[in-house]
Amino acid sequence: MSGVVSSDGAGPVDPAAAAHAFSAAERQSVYRAIFERRDMRHFCGGEVAPELMRRLLTAAHHAPSVGFMQPWRFVRIAQPSLRRQLHALVEVERVQTARALGEREDAFMRLKVEGLLSAAEVWVVALAEGREKHVFGRRTMPQMDLASTACAIQNLWLAARAEGLGMGWVSLFDPAAVSALLHMPPGAEPVALLCLGPVSDFYEQPMLQQQRWASRCALDELIYEDGWGQPMAAALAGKP
């Protein structure tokens, strides 16, 4: 394999890529945010300064979007009464989800699945109305508006981790109920309740892995080459 060796000894790097690469310390910071990001459920109150919240939302707004459609909308939940109503909606769905899990119902009910009442900030992320007008990149794959919004949420998540804040994505709710509660226009659709704020500690592992609910799949089981299920060539299949 041609190329030069990176300054941190990570292995060969294409010369063209090396010309644009971050420094070793900067790259390490990016990877650290990725690997130490956690879906947090335990918060310790506190607050998020307005200028910091603005920074995080700006990071989210700089996510890629198909056709540059920017389908994300963010709704801050400032009223405690609205938080409690959202919490009640999540609790309804939590019970329904537990029942749908059958033999794992009791184990699921023991899990903490949200921090809506204890997080410093709660934000609802929604898909905007009028998305049918955006055809670029969506004619055969209309779900790309959701994929784009997920990129915005991930940007916010990584930025929050870099700032020392925890974030949790809550998806246990009836979208129609949340939409009605927040008076969303026809066509708008909530996709996430985000709990954000200071935490006492970040989980050493993903919480569901710590609780033995699930474990991370091995990467090699998920990557193929030239066809579904075909193993990767040795050059990429080997561990770094």
Protein backbone atom coordinates (compact mmCIF):
# COMPACT_ATOMS: atom_id res chain seq x y z
CA MET A 1 0.00 0.00 0.00
CA SER A 2 1.47 3.36 -1.03
CA GLY A 3 1.46 6.43 1.17
CA VAL A 4 3.28 8.08 4.01
CA VAL A 5 3.24 7.21 7.68
CA SER A 6 1.13 9.52 9.83
CA SER A 7 2.87 11.67 12.42
CA ASP A 8 1.31 9.71 15.29
CA GLY A 9 2.39 6.34 13.90
CA ALA A 10 -1.13 5.27 13.03
CA GLY A 11 -0.07 3.77 9.73
CA PRO A 12 0.15 4.71 6.05
CA VAL A 13 -1.69 7.85 4.94
CA ASP A 14 -2.33 8.91 1.37
CA PRO A 15 -0.22 12.02 0.61
CA ALA A 16 -3.28 13.93 -0.61
CA ALA A 17 -5.14 13.13 2.61
CA ALA A 18 -2.11 13.99 4.73
CA ALA A 19 -2.07 17.49 3.27
CA HIS A 20 -5.55 18.14 4.65
CA ALA A 21 -5.45 16.10 7.85
CA PHE A 22 -5.80 17.57 11.33
CA SER A 23 -2.86 17.36 13.67
CA ALA A 24 -2.44 14.17 15.68
CA ALA A 25 -3.84 15.85 18.82
CA GLU A 26 -6.83 17.24 16.93
CA ARG A 27 -7.60 13.86 15.39
CA GLN A 28 -7.39 12.23 18.79
CA SER A 29 -9.94 14.72 20.14
CA VAL A 30 -12.38 13.87 17.36
CA TYR A 31 -12.06 10.14 17.96
CA ARG A 32 -12.28 10.63 21.72
CA ALA A 33 -15.62 12.43 21.36
CA ILE A 34 -16.89 9.60 19.16
CA PHE A 35 -15.80 6.78 21.45
CA GLU A 36 -16.75 8.46 24.74
CA ARG A 37 -20.17 9.70 23.63
CA ARG A 38 -22.92 8.00 25.59
CA ASP A 39 -26.71 7.89 25.47
CA MET A 40 -27.19 9.35 28.94
CA ARG A 41 -30.14 8.73 31.24
CA HIS A 42 -28.78 10.07 34.53
CA PHE A 43 -28.43 13.84 34.93
CA CYS A 44 -27.66 16.09 37.88
CA GLY A 45 -29.70 19.18 37.14
CA GLY A 46 -27.65 22.32 36.72
CA GLU A 47 -27.92 24.46 33.65
CA VAL A 48 -26.53 24.99 30.17
CA ALA A 49 -25.43 28.57 29.52
CA PRO A 50 -27.32 30.18 26.60
CA GLU A 51 -24.13 30.84 24.64
CA LEU A 52 -23.08 27.20 25.04
CA MET A 53 -26.51 25.96 23.96
CA ARG A 54 -26.26 28.22 20.93
CA ARG A 55 -22.87 26.70 20.12
CA LEU A 56 -24.29 23.19 20.29
CA LEU A 57 -27.26 24.06 18.10
CA THR A 58 -24.94 25.70 15.59
CA ALA A 59 -22.95 22.47 15.42
CA ALA A 60 -26.19 20.57 14.81
CA HIS A 61 -27.23 23.03 12.10
CA HIS A 62 -23.96 22.42 10.25
CA ALA A 63 -24.78 18.75 9.69
CA PRO A 64 -24.99 17.44 6.13
CA SER A 65 -28.43 17.13 4.60
CA VAL A 66 -29.62 15.52 1.39
CA GLY A 67 -30.24 18.19 -1.24
CA PHE A 68 -29.22 20.74 1.43
CA MET A 69 -32.83 20.60 2.59
CA GLN A 70 -32.02 21.17 6.29
CA PRO A 71 -35.17 19.39 7.52
CA TRP A 72 -34.43 19.71 11.25
CA ARG A 73 -36.39 21.92 13.63
CA PHE A 74 -35.60 22.31 17.35
CA VAL A 75 -38.17 23.12 20.04
CA ARG A 76 -36.93 24.01 23.51
CA ILE A 77 -39.16 22.85 26.35
CA ALA A 78 -38.93 25.66 28.88
CA GLN A 79 -42.13 25.16 30.87
CA PRO A 80 -41.96 22.53 33.67
CA SER A 81 -45.58 21.61 32.99
CA LEU A 82 -44.71 20.70 29.39
CA ARG A 83 -41.83 18.55 30.60
CA ARG A 84 -44.19 16.68 32.88
CA GLN A 85 -46.63 16.12 30.04
CA LEU A 86 -43.86 14.81 27.80
CA HIS A 87 -42.71 12.56 30.64
CA ALA A 88 -46.24 11.20 30.96
CA LEU A 89 -46.38 10.43 27.24
CA VAL A 90 -43.06 8.61 27.45
CA GLU A 91 -44.27 6.60 30.44
CA VAL A 92 -47.33 5.44 28.48
CA GLU A 93 -45.13 4.22 25.64
CA ARG A 94 -42.62 2.68 28.04
CA VAL A 95 -45.36 0.42 29.43
CA GLN A 96 -46.60 -0.47 25.94
CA THR A 97 -43.06 -1.27 24.79
CA ALA A 98 -42.49 -3.47 27.82
CA ARG A 99 -45.62 -5.47 27.06
CA ALA A 100 -44.55 -5.88 23.43
CA LEU A 101 -41.23 -7.36 24.57
CA GLY A 102 -42.92 -10.38 26.08
CA GLU A 103 -40.52 -12.36 28.23
CA ARG A 104 -38.17 -9.37 28.57
CA GLU A 105 -40.91 -7.11 29.96
CA ASP A 106 -39.73 -7.15 33.56
CA ALA A 107 -36.10 -6.56 32.59
CA PHE A 108 -37.10 -3.64 30.41
CA MET A 109 -39.19 -2.04 33.15
CA ARG A 110 -36.13 -2.03 35.39
CA LEU A 111 -34.15 0.02 32.87
CA LYS A 112 -33.97 3.79 33.14
CA VAL A 113 -34.97 5.00 29.71
CA GLU A 114 -35.07 8.80 30.02
CA GLY A 115 -33.99 11.81 32.06
CA LEU A 116 -36.69 14.29 31.12
CA LEU A 117 -37.30 15.54 34.65
CA SER A 118 -33.67 15.82 35.75
CA ALA A 119 -31.81 17.14 32.69
CA ALA A 120 -30.89 20.81 32.52
CA GLU A 121 -32.39 21.12 29.02
CA VAL A 122 -35.03 19.26 27.06
CA TRP A 123 -35.34 19.77 23.32
CA VAL A 124 -37.69 18.20 20.80
CA VAL A 125 -36.21 17.59 17.37
CA ALA A 126 -38.72 17.40 14.54
CA LEU A 127 -38.87 17.06 10.79
CA ALA A 128 -40.21 20.23 9.19
CA GLU A 129 -43.46 20.48 7.30
CA GLY A 130 -43.37 20.79 3.49
CA ARG A 131 -40.70 18.12 3.03
CA GLU A 132 -42.48 16.69 -0.01
CA LYS A 133 -41.24 19.71 -1.97
CA HIS A 134 -37.65 18.47 -1.68
CA VAL A 135 -37.07 15.90 -4.43
CA PHE A 136 -33.29 16.17 -4.78
CA GLY A 137 -31.92 12.92 -3.32
CA ARG A 138 -35.36 11.81 -2.09
CA ARG A 139 -37.29 10.76 -5.18
CA THR A 140 -36.67 7.07 -4.50
CA MET A 141 -35.51 7.43 -0.88
CA PRO A 142 -37.85 9.84 0.92
CA GLN A 143 -36.51 8.73 4.31
CA MET A 144 -33.34 10.72 3.69
CA ASP A 145 -34.93 13.66 5.51
CA LEU A 146 -34.86 11.54 8.66
CA ALA A 147 -31.28 10.45 7.93
CA SER A 148 -30.26 14.09 7.57
CA THR A 149 -31.90 15.02 10.87
CA ALA A 150 -30.11 12.13 12.59
CA CYS A 151 -26.83 13.63 11.37
CA ALA A 152 -27.77 16.93 13.04
CA ILE A 153 -28.54 15.13 16.29
CA GLN A 154 -25.21 13.30 16.15
CA ASN A 155 -23.37 16.58 15.58
CA LEU A 156 -25.06 18.02 18.67
CA TRP A 157 -24.27 14.85 20.65
CA LEU A 158 -20.56 14.90 19.84
CA ALA A 159 -20.28 18.63 20.50
CA ALA A 160 -22.04 18.18 23.85
CA ARG A 161 -19.59 15.44 24.83
CA ALA A 162 -16.65 17.65 23.90
CA GLU A 163 -18.16 20.37 26.12
CA GLY A 164 -18.48 17.91 29.02
CA LEU A 165 -22.28 17.64 28.81
CA GLY A 166 -24.34 14.47 28.62
CA MET A 167 -27.14 13.92 26.15
CA GLY A 168 -29.81 11.25 25.81
CA TRP A 169 -32.08 10.55 22.84
CA VAL A 170 -35.56 9.47 23.92
CA SER A 171 -37.72 7.83 21.24
CA LEU A 172 -40.38 6.21 23.40
CA PHE A 173 -43.38 8.35 22.51
CA ASP A 174 -46.33 8.60 20.18
CA PRO A 175 -45.35 11.18 17.52
CA ALA A 176 -48.95 12.28 17.02
CA ALA A 177 -49.36 12.97 20.74
CA VAL A 178 -46.16 15.03 20.94
CA SER A 179 -47.07 16.88 17.77
CA ALA A 180 -50.46 17.81 19.23
CA LEU A 181 -48.93 18.86 22.55
CA LEU A 182 -46.52 21.26 20.81
CA HIS A 183 -49.05 22.51 18.23
CA MET A 184 -46.95 21.40 15.28
CA PRO A 185 -48.28 22.19 11.80
CA PRO A 186 -49.56 19.40 9.54
CA GLY A 187 -46.66 17.47 8.05
CA ALA A 188 -44.19 18.24 10.84
CA GLU A 189 -43.10 15.15 12.76
CA PRO A 190 -41.21 14.84 16.08
CA VAL A 191 -38.41 12.26 15.97
CA ALA A 192 -36.48 12.80 19.22
CA LEU A 193 -36.76 14.12 22.75
CA LEU A 194 -33.28 15.20 23.76
CA CYS A 195 -32.22 15.40 27.41
CA LEU A 196 -29.11 17.52 27.78
CA GLY A 197 -27.01 18.79 30.66
CA PRO A 198 -24.38 18.13 33.31
CA VAL A 199 -23.89 14.57 34.53
CA SER A 200 -22.02 13.20 37.53
CA ASP A 201 -20.21 10.62 35.39
CA PHE A 202 -20.30 9.24 31.89
CA TYR A 203 -20.99 5.52 31.59
CA GLU A 204 -17.81 3.53 31.00
CA GLN A 205 -19.73 1.52 28.40
CA PRO A 206 -23.06 2.12 26.68
CA MET A 207 -25.67 1.82 29.42
CA LEU A 208 -27.57 -1.01 27.75
CA GLN A 209 -24.32 -2.93 27.46
CA GLN A 210 -23.52 -2.29 31.12
CA GLN A 211 -26.99 -3.56 32.01
CA ARG A 212 -26.41 -6.62 29.81
CA TRP A 213 -29.41 -5.79 27.66
CA ALA A 214 -27.33 -5.96 24.49
CA SER A 215 -23.70 -5.80 23.39
CA ARG A 216 -21.88 -4.16 20.52
CA CYS A 217 -21.62 -6.32 17.41
CA ALA A 218 -18.18 -7.19 16.10
CA LEU A 219 -17.32 -4.86 13.21
CA ASP A 220 -16.18 -7.71 10.99
CA GLU A 221 -19.67 -9.20 11.15
CA LEU A 222 -21.13 -6.03 9.62
CA ILE A 223 -18.80 -5.19 6.72
CA TYR A 224 -18.92 -6.87 3.33
CA GLU A 225 -17.23 -6.47 -0.04
CA ASP A 226 -18.70 -6.62 -3.55
CA GLY A 227 -21.93 -8.22 -2.37
CA TRP A 228 -24.08 -8.92 0.67
CA GLY A 229 -22.41 -11.37 3.03
CA GLN A 230 -19.15 -11.46 1.10
CA PRO A 231 -16.13 -11.14 3.45
CA MET A 232 -13.78 -8.21 3.17
CA ALA A 233 -10.43 -8.58 1.48
CA ALA A 234 -7.52 -9.18 3.84
CA ALA A 235 -6.26 -5.59 3.50
CA LEU A 236 -9.29 -4.17 5.34
CA ALA A 237 -10.37 -7.17 7.33
CA GLY A 238 -7.16 -7.18 9.38
CA LYS A 239 -7.10 -5.37 12.70
CA PRO A 240 -5.09 -2.13 12.84
